[in-house]
C-alpha atoms as a PDB file:
ATOM      1  CA  MET A   1       0.105   0.012   0.361  1.00  0.00           C
ATOM      2  CA  THR A   2       1.065   3.488  -1.226  1.00  0.00           C
ATOM      3  CA  LEU A   3       1.946   6.259   2.094  1.00  0.00           C
ATOM      4  CA  GLN A   4       0.030   8.734   1.443  1.00  0.00           C
ATOM      5  CA  LEU A   5       1.730  11.107   3.742  1.00  0.00           C
ATOM      6  CA  GLY A   6       0.158  14.293   3.218  1.00  0.00           C
ATOM      7  CA  ARG A   7      -3.303  13.003   4.575  1.00  0.00           C
ATOM      8  CA  ALA A   8      -0.795  11.762   7.534  1.00  0.00           C
ATOM      9  CA  ILE A   9       0.711  14.922   8.379  1.00  0.00           C
ATOM     10  CA  GLY A  10      -2.653  16.705   8.105  1.00  0.00           C
ATOM     11  CA  ARG A  11      -4.517  14.245  10.348  1.00  0.00           C
ATOM     12  CA  GLU A  12      -1.158  14.707  13.194  1.00  0.00           C
ATOM     13  CA  THR A  13      -2.792  17.298  14.726  1.00  0.00           C
ATOM     14  CA  ARG A  14      -6.736  15.394  15.628  1.00  0.00           C
ATOM     15  CA  ARG A  15      -4.513  12.929  16.851  1.00  0.00           C
ATOM     16  CA  SER A  16      -2.193  15.056  18.617  1.00  0.00           C
ATOM     17  CA  LEU A  17      -4.604  17.286  19.853  1.00  0.00           C
ATOM     18  CA  SER A  18      -7.064  14.479  20.828  1.00  0.00           C
ATOM     19  CA  ILE A  19      -7.301  13.492  24.957  1.00  0.00           C
ATOM     20  CA  SER A  20      -5.445  10.679  23.948  1.00  0.00           C
ATOM     21  CA  GLY A  21      -2.714  12.679  23.061  1.00  0.00           C
ATOM     22  CA  ILE A  22      -2.971  15.332  26.303  1.00  0.00           C
ATOM     23  CA  VAL A  23      -2.902  12.011  28.553  1.00  0.00           C
ATOM     24  CA  ALA A  24       0.499  11.144  26.725  1.00  0.00           C
ATOM     25  CA  LEU A  25       1.872  14.740  26.606  1.00  0.00           C
ATOM     26  CA  VAL A  26       2.313  15.115  30.524  1.00  0.00           C
ATOM     27  CA  PRO A  27       4.204  11.659  31.723  1.00  0.00           C
ATOM     28  CA  MET A  28       6.227  12.155  28.334  1.00  0.00           C
ATOM     29  CA  ILE A  29       7.371  15.482  29.578  1.00  0.00           C
ATOM     30  CA  CYS A  30       7.512  13.810  33.523  1.00  0.00           C
ATOM     31  CA  TYR A  31       9.919  10.983  32.567  1.00  0.00           C
ATOM     32  CA  GLN A  32      11.485  13.632  30.506  1.00  0.00           C
ATOM     33  CA  VAL A  33      12.332  16.206  32.835  1.00  0.00           C
ATOM     34  CA  LEU A  34      12.860  13.562  35.667  1.00  0.00           C
ATOM     35  CA  PHE A  35      15.563  12.046  33.397  1.00  0.00           C
ATOM     36  CA  VAL A  36      17.534  15.262  32.901  1.00  0.00           C
ATOM     37  CA  GLY A  37      16.960  16.385  36.206  1.00  0.00           C
ATOM     38  CA  SER A  38      18.920  13.315  37.967  1.00  0.00           C
ATOM     39  CA  PHE A  39      21.471  12.987  34.886  1.00  0.00           C
ATOM     40  CA  ASN A  40      22.580  16.140  35.428  1.00  0.00           C
ATOM     41  CA  ALA A  41      22.165  15.910  39.252  1.00  0.00           C
ATOM     42  CA  VAL A  42      25.269  13.551  38.354  1.00  0.00           C
ATOM     43  CA  ILE A  43      27.382  16.127  36.617  1.00  0.00           C
ATOM     44  CA  VAL A  44      26.877  18.519  38.935  1.00  0.00           C
ATOM     45  CA  ASN A  45      27.864  16.088  42.077  1.00  0.00           C
ATOM     46  CA  GLN A  46      31.362  15.473  40.129  1.00  0.00           C
ATOM     47  CA  LEU A  47      31.975  19.219  40.229  1.00  0.00           C
ATOM     48  CA  PRO A  48      34.551  20.993  42.728  1.00  0.00           C
ATOM     49  CA  SER A  49      31.997  22.391  45.332  1.00  0.00           C
ATOM     50  CA  GLY A  50      32.953  25.480  45.003  1.00  0.00           C
ATOM     51  CA  VAL A  51      31.206  25.802  41.354  1.00  0.00           C
ATOM     52  CA  GLN A  52      27.962  23.100  42.374  1.00  0.00           C
ATOM     53  CA  SER A  53      26.246  26.045  44.375  1.00  0.00           C
ATOM     54  CA  SER A  54      25.811  27.531  40.569  1.00  0.00           C
ATOM     55  CA  GLY A  55      25.969  24.490  38.536  1.00  0.00           C
ATOM     56  CA  SER A  56      29.060  25.958  36.055  1.00  0.00           C
ATOM     57  CA  GLY A  57      25.987  26.779  33.328  1.00  0.00           C
ATOM     58  CA  VAL A  58      25.162  22.843  33.767  1.00  0.00           C
ATOM     59  CA  GLY A  59      21.285  23.045  33.691  1.00  0.00           C
ATOM     60  CA  PHE A  60      18.334  21.941  35.329  1.00  0.00           C
ATOM     61  CA  ALA A  61      19.252  19.868  37.749  1.00  0.00           C
ATOM     62  CA  LEU A  62      17.850  18.229  40.932  1.00  0.00           C
ATOM     63  CA  PRO A  63      19.174  18.170  44.641  1.00  0.00           C
ATOM     64  CA  LEU A  64      19.838  14.670  45.294  1.00  0.00           C
ATOM     65  CA  PRO A  65      23.059  12.706  45.852  1.00  0.00           C
ATOM     66  CA  THR A  66      24.494  10.475  43.523  1.00  0.00           C
ATOM     67  CA  GLU A  67      23.175   7.260  43.756  1.00  0.00           C
ATOM     68  CA  VAL A  68      20.114   8.163  43.925  1.00  0.00           C
ATOM     69  CA  ALA A  69      20.439  10.149  40.762  1.00  0.00           C
ATOM     70  CA  VAL A  70      21.565   7.561  38.888  1.00  0.00           C
ATOM     71  CA  GLY A  71      18.846   5.210  40.199  1.00  0.00           C
ATOM     72  CA  LEU A  72      16.214   7.991  39.695  1.00  0.00           C
ATOM     73  CA  ALA A  73      17.613   8.736  35.933  1.00  0.00           C
ATOM     74  CA  VAL A  74      17.735   4.093  35.274  1.00  0.00           C
ATOM     75  CA  VAL A  75      13.805   4.381  36.177  1.00  0.00           C
ATOM     76  CA  ALA A  76      12.995   7.399  34.594  1.00  0.00           C
ATOM     77  CA  LEU A  77      14.253   5.897  31.255  1.00  0.00           C
ATOM     78  CA  LEU A  78      12.392   3.171  32.236  1.00  0.00           C
ATOM     79  CA  LEU A  79       9.294   5.126  32.552  1.00  0.00           C
ATOM     80  CA  GLY A  80      10.469   6.292  29.055  1.00  0.00           C
ATOM     81  CA  ILE A  81       9.774   3.422  27.638  1.00  0.00           C
ATOM     82  CA  GLY A  82       6.783   2.740  29.445  1.00  0.00           C
ATOM     83  CA  VAL A  83       5.441   5.942  27.690  1.00  0.00           C
ATOM     84  CA  PHE A  84       5.879   5.344  24.463  1.00  0.00           C
ATOM     85  CA  LEU A  85       5.223   2.266  24.359  1.00  0.00           C
ATOM     86  CA  VAL A  86       1.072   3.068  25.745  1.00  0.00           C
ATOM     87  CA  THR A  87       1.475   6.075  23.597  1.00  0.00           C
ATOM     88  CA  ALA A  88       1.919   4.043  20.611  1.00  0.00           C
ATOM     89  CA  ARG A  89      -1.131   2.745  21.268  1.00  0.00           C
ATOM     90  CA  LEU A  90      -3.474   5.471  22.109  1.00  0.00           C
ATOM     91  CA  PHE A  91      -2.307   6.918  18.842  1.00  0.00           C
ATOM     92  CA  ALA A  92      -2.703   3.432  16.541  1.00  0.00           C
ATOM     93  CA  ARG A  93      -6.519   3.810  16.251  1.00  0.00           C
ATOM     94  CA  ASP A  94      -9.280   5.565  14.007  1.00  0.00           C
ATOM     95  CA  LEU A  95      -9.844   8.905  15.373  1.00  0.00           C
ATOM     96  CA  PRO A  96     -13.180   8.561  16.615  1.00  0.00           C
ATOM     97  CA  ASP A  97     -11.705   6.420  19.129  1.00  0.00           C
ATOM     98  CA  LEU A  98      -8.911   8.741  20.249  1.00  0.00           C
ATOM     99  CA  SER A  99     -11.530  10.479  22.540  1.00  0.00           C
ATOM    100  CA  SER A 100     -12.437   7.492  24.696  1.00  0.00           C
ATOM    101  CA  LEU A 101      -8.889   5.702  26.922  1.00  0.00           C
ATOM    102  CA  PRO A 102     -10.263   1.622  27.414  1.00  0.00           C
ATOM    103  CA  GLY A 103      -7.916   0.141  30.327  1.00  0.00           C
ATOM    104  CA  ASN A 104      -6.860  -2.487  27.978  1.00  0.00           C
ATOM    105  CA  LEU A 105      -4.627  -0.302  26.489  1.00  0.00           C
ATOM    106  CA  PHE A 106      -2.258   0.181  29.789  1.00  0.00           C
ATOM    107  CA  THR A 107      -2.871  -3.461  30.794  1.00  0.00           C
ATOM    108  CA  ARG A 108      -2.554  -5.838  27.870  1.00  0.00           C
ATOM    109  CA  ARG A 109       0.033  -8.108  28.257  1.00  0.00           C
ATOM    110  CA  LEU A 110       2.264  -4.925  29.667  1.00  0.00           C
ATOM    111  CA  GLY A 111       5.274  -7.400  30.910  1.00  0.00           C
ATOM    112  CA  ARG A 112       5.862  -8.930  27.995  1.00  0.00           C
ATOM    113  CA  ALA A 113       5.254  -5.488  25.355  1.00  0.00           C
ATOM    114  CA  PHE A 114       7.353  -3.401  28.047  1.00  0.00           C
ATOM    115  CA  LEU A 115      10.202  -6.358  28.052  1.00  0.00           C
ATOM    116  CA  SER A 116      10.320  -6.501  23.846  1.00  0.00           C
ATOM    117  CA  THR A 117       9.950  -2.378  23.580  1.00  0.00           C
ATOM    118  CA  LEU A 118      13.329  -2.387  25.234  1.00  0.00           C
ATOM    119  CA  VAL A 119      15.278  -4.622  23.597  1.00  0.00           C
ATOM    120  CA  VAL A 120      13.598  -3.155  19.821  1.00  0.00           C
ATOM    121  CA  SER A 121      14.826   0.893  21.899  1.00  0.00           C
ATOM    122  CA  VAL A 122      17.874  -0.942  22.644  1.00  0.00           C
ATOM    123  CA  VAL A 123      18.992  -2.427  18.727  1.00  0.00           C
ATOM    124  CA  LEU A 124      17.450   1.323  17.579  1.00  0.00           C
ATOM    125  CA  GLY A 125      19.783   3.272  19.537  1.00  0.00           C
ATOM    126  CA  VAL A 126      22.887   1.384  19.226  1.00  0.00           C
ATOM    127  CA  ALA A 127      22.625   0.429  15.558  1.00  0.00           C
ATOM    128  CA  ILE A 128      21.335   3.627  14.051  1.00  0.00           C
ATOM    129  CA  PRO A 129      24.001   5.731  15.552  1.00  0.00           C
ATOM    130  CA  ILE A 130      26.660   3.287  14.671  1.00  0.00           C
ATOM    131  CA  GLY A 131      24.704   4.315  10.932  1.00  0.00           C
ATOM    132  CA  PHE A 132      25.111   7.804  11.053  1.00  0.00           C
ATOM    133  CA  ALA A 133      28.321   7.700  12.244  1.00  0.00           C
ATOM    134  CA  PHE A 134      29.848   5.173   9.673  1.00  0.00           C
ATOM    135  CA  LEU A 135      27.530   6.798   6.622  1.00  0.00           C
ATOM    136  CA  LEU A 136      24.853   9.001   6.776  1.00  0.00           C
ATOM    137  CA  VAL A 137      23.301   6.478   4.510  1.00  0.00           C
ATOM    138  CA  PRO A 138      22.443   3.474   6.641  1.00  0.00           C
ATOM    139  CA  GLY A 139      21.747   5.335   9.593  1.00  0.00           C
ATOM    140  CA  LEU A 140      19.190   6.752   7.346  1.00  0.00           C
ATOM    141  CA  PHE A 141      18.250   3.639   6.098  1.00  0.00           C
ATOM    142  CA  LEU A 142      17.904   1.861   9.247  1.00  0.00           C
ATOM    143  CA  ALA A 143      15.855   5.135  10.601  1.00  0.00           C
ATOM    144  CA  VAL A 144      13.190   4.964   7.884  1.00  0.00           C
ATOM    145  CA  SER A 145      13.076   0.975   7.391  1.00  0.00           C
ATOM    146  CA  LEU A 146      13.015   0.300  11.277  1.00  0.00           C
ATOM    147  CA  GLN A 147      10.450   3.304  12.544  1.00  0.00           C
ATOM    148  CA  PHE A 148       7.500   1.054  13.072  1.00  0.00           C
ATOM    149  CA  ALA A 149       8.864  -1.390  15.153  1.00  0.00           C
ATOM    150  CA  VAL A 150       7.462   0.050  18.627  1.00  0.00           C
ATOM    151  CA  PHE A 151       4.394   0.225  17.294  1.00  0.00           C
ATOM    152  CA  ALA A 152       4.305  -3.834  15.477  1.00  0.00           C
ATOM    153  CA  VAL A 153       5.206  -4.253  19.279  1.00  0.00           C
ATOM    154  CA  ALA A 154       2.231  -2.397  21.082  1.00  0.00           C
ATOM    155  CA  VAL A 155      -0.110  -2.429  18.967  1.00  0.00           C
ATOM    156  CA  GLU A 156       0.463  -5.954  17.345  1.00  0.00           C
ATOM    157  CA  ASP A 157       1.967  -7.881  20.302  1.00  0.00           C
ATOM    158  CA  THR A 158       4.602  -8.695  18.078  1.00  0.00           C
ATOM    159  CA  GLY A 159       8.224  -9.580  19.577  1.00  0.00           C
ATOM    160  CA  PRO A 160      11.471  -7.741  18.934  1.00  0.00           C
ATOM    161  CA  ILE A 161      12.692  -9.575  16.224  1.00  0.00           C
ATOM    162  CA  GLU A 162       9.254  -9.700  14.161  1.00  0.00           C
ATOM    163  CA  ALA A 163       8.273  -6.237  15.176  1.00  0.00           C
ATOM    164  CA  PHE A 164      12.008  -5.294  12.792  1.00  0.00           C
ATOM    165  CA  ARG A 165      10.509  -7.757  10.014  1.00  0.00           C
ATOM    166  CA  ARG A 166       6.724  -6.437  10.782  1.00  0.00           C
ATOM    167  CA  SER A 167       8.348  -2.034  10.026  1.00  0.00           C
ATOM    168  CA  TRP A 168      10.672  -3.259   6.868  1.00  0.00           C
ATOM    169  CA  GLU A 169       7.711  -5.051   5.448  1.00  0.00           C
ATOM    170  CA  LEU A 170       5.539  -1.822   6.367  1.00  0.00           C
ATOM    171  CA  ALA A 171       8.613   0.667   4.835  1.00  0.00           C
ATOM    172  CA  SER A 172       8.938  -1.477   1.810  1.00  0.00           C
ATOM    173  CA  GLY A 173       8.128   0.687  -1.195  1.00  0.00           C
ATOM    174  CA  ASN A 174       6.704   3.467   0.748  1.00  0.00           C
ATOM    175  CA  ARG A 175      11.096   4.915   1.785  1.00  0.00           C
ATOM    176  CA  TRP A 176      10.881   7.857   0.483  1.00  0.00           C
ATOM    177  CA  ARG A 177       7.921   9.035   1.915  1.00  0.00           C
ATOM    178  CA  LEU A 178       8.888   8.229   5.136  1.00  0.00           C
ATOM    179  CA  LEU A 179      12.268   9.367   4.411  1.00  0.00           C
ATOM    180  CA  ALA A 180      10.711  12.796   4.031  1.00  0.00           C
ATOM    181  CA  LEU A 181       9.530  12.424   7.506  1.00  0.00           C
ATOM    182  CA  VAL A 182      12.556  11.909   9.378  1.00  0.00           C
ATOM    183  CA  VAL A 183      13.776  15.266   7.583  1.00  0.00           C
ATOM    184  CA  LEU A 184      10.775  17.049   8.879  1.00  0.00           C
ATOM    185  CA  PHE A 185      11.223  15.463  12.181  1.00  0.00           C
ATOM    186  CA  GLY A 186      14.682  16.575  12.509  1.00  0.00           C
ATOM    187  CA  ALA A 187      14.421  20.004  11.304  1.00  0.00           C
ATOM    188  CA  VAL A 188      11.501  20.843  13.233  1.00  0.00           C
ATOM    189  CA  SER A 189      13.489  19.319  16.143  1.00  0.00           C
ATOM    190  CA  ALA A 190      16.686  21.447  15.060  1.00  0.00           C
ATOM    191  CA  VAL A 191      14.433  24.124  15.824  1.00  0.00           C
ATOM    192  CA  GLY A 192      12.736  23.512  19.246  1.00  0.00           C
ATOM    193  CA  GLY A 193      16.098  23.130  20.021  1.00  0.00           C
ATOM    194  CA  ALA A 194      17.012  26.412  19.215  1.00  0.00           C
ATOM    195  CA  VAL A 195      14.224  28.252  20.969  1.00  0.00           C
ATOM    196  CA  GLY A 196      15.649  25.946  23.733  1.00  0.00           C
ATOM    197  CA  SER A 197      18.860  27.566  23.363  1.00  0.00           C
ATOM    198  CA  LEU A 198      18.258  30.974  23.171  1.00  0.00           C
ATOM    199  CA  LEU A 199      15.638  31.060  26.836  1.00  0.00           C
ATOM    200  CA  ALA A 200      19.493  29.142  28.271  1.00  0.00           C
ATOM    201  CA  PHE A 201      20.791  32.569  27.944  1.00  0.00           C
ATOM    202  CA  VAL A 202      18.323  33.992  30.371  1.00  0.00           C
ATOM    203  CA  SER A 203      18.565  30.993  32.211  1.00  0.00           C
ATOM    204  CA  PRO A 204      20.609  27.528  31.472  1.00  0.00           C
ATOM    205  CA  SER A 205      17.748  25.515  33.520  1.00  0.00           C
ATOM    206  CA  VAL A 206      14.786  27.574  32.158  1.00  0.00           C
ATOM    207  CA  GLY A 207      16.513  27.162  28.520  1.00  0.00           C
ATOM    208  CA  GLN A 208      16.672  23.370  29.575  1.00  0.00           C
ATOM    209  CA  LEU A 209      13.050  22.813  31.314  1.00  0.00           C
ATOM    210  CA  ALA A 210      11.523  24.591  28.306  1.00  0.00           C
ATOM    211  CA  SER A 211      13.707  22.475  25.539  1.00  0.00           C
ATOM    212  CA  LEU A 212      12.156  19.682  27.489  1.00  0.00           C
ATOM    213  CA  VAL A 213       8.415  20.729  26.819  1.00  0.00           C
ATOM    214  CA  ILE A 214       9.639  21.254  23.665  1.00  0.00           C
ATOM    215  CA  ASN A 215      10.312  18.129  22.583  1.00  0.00           C
ATOM    216  CA  SER A 216       7.995  16.574  24.373  1.00  0.00           C
ATOM    217  CA  VAL A 217       5.199  18.163  22.415  1.00  0.00           C
ATOM    218  CA  LEU A 218       7.063  17.576  19.105  1.00  0.00           C
ATOM    219  CA  VAL A 219       7.605  14.368  19.803  1.00  0.00           C
ATOM    220  CA  ILE A 220       3.928  13.447  19.754  1.00  0.00           C
ATOM    221  CA  LEU A 221       3.195  15.960  16.797  1.00  0.00           C
ATOM    222  CA  MET A 222       5.860  12.682  15.962  1.00  0.00           C
ATOM    223  CA  TYR A 223       4.009  10.077  16.833  1.00  0.00           C
ATOM    224  CA  GLY A 224       0.648  11.348  15.548  1.00  0.00           C
ATOM    225  CA  ILE A 225       2.324  11.210  12.217  1.00  0.00           C
ATOM    226  CA  ILE A 226       4.170   8.196  12.689  1.00  0.00           C
ATOM    227  CA  ALA A 227       0.469   6.619  14.033  1.00  0.00           C
ATOM    228  CA  ASP A 228      -1.053   7.786  11.015  1.00  0.00           C
ATOM    229  CA  SER A 229       0.945   5.965   8.266  1.00  0.00           C
ATOM    230  CA  PHE A 230       0.967   3.177  10.351  1.00  0.00           C
ATOM    231  CA  VAL A 231      -2.641   2.541  10.554  1.00  0.00           C
ATOM    232  CA  GLN A 232      -2.232   3.152   6.438  1.00  0.00           C
ATOM    233  CA  LEU A 233       0.325   1.087   6.056  1.00  0.00           C
ATOM    234  CA  ARG A 234      -1.013  -1.900   7.785  1.00  0.00           C
ATOM    235  CA  GLY A 235      -4.628  -0.962   5.654  1.00  0.00           C
ATOM    236  CA  GLY A 236      -5.884   1.523   7.283  1.00  0.00           C
ATOM    237  CA  SER A 237      -8.115   0.919  10.073  1.00  0.00           C
ATOM    238  CA  ALA A 238      -6.762   0.097  13.036  1.00  0.00           C
ATOM    239  CA  SER A 239     -10.449  -1.382  14.098  1.00  0.00           C
ATOM    240  CA  ALA A 240      -9.220  -3.910  11.898  1.00  0.00           C
ATOM    241  CA  THR A 241      -6.606  -5.900  13.872  1.00  0.00           C
ATOM    242  CA  ARG A 242      -7.372  -8.199  16.476  1.00  0.00           C
ATOM    243  CA  SER A 243      -5.150  -6.545  19.214  1.00  0.00           C
ATOM    244  CA  LEU A 244      -7.557  -3.503  18.583  1.00  0.00           C
ATOM    245  CA  ALA A 245     -10.520  -5.054  18.416  1.00  0.00           C
END
């Protein structure tokens, strides 16, 4: 099936501004604030005692001892895995269903899906940067071909290997259109980062927190587009599959 890119972009606002989008945005912001605040706390704690109070421009940092900050950073990362898993389930539904929040989207095979999403995230987090490091093209090719893997786990209850195969299959024949999405996401993210950098002149903490909020909104918008693309490529109707029935 050919991806209708304009349709996916046009409908992402309806997904992102739905009840599902608002519900997904709040934990998206929270997990990023927790992770960055705890990670920065670890950095600040390594600074000489004379400069710890100023943070030396590190940015937003939670007032925590190193051991607690490390543990909280790990918890925040795991929370983030769960947030992306549930967000994929919330968004990969037909538009009229986005105003509802069925409990099974939050609980269905959660343990298995969480572990599969964790494995997928780790593999993508390693493979794609390596592809970019050696040559730009392999990194882009992997980013385009595997961007539906989390959705395959979340919606179709696949394991990691099958999720990669499913994403590869869905991307086949549509990689140029999906590449346009990757480029669009990169450009929009750069603009968001620039806004945060400008605000950092006022205060590093304010700039970083603003950047996190902007980034969270952009991620939700991005997920809205990917979700619509996923629904289109797997048959056009989310209700047509067993997992979302």
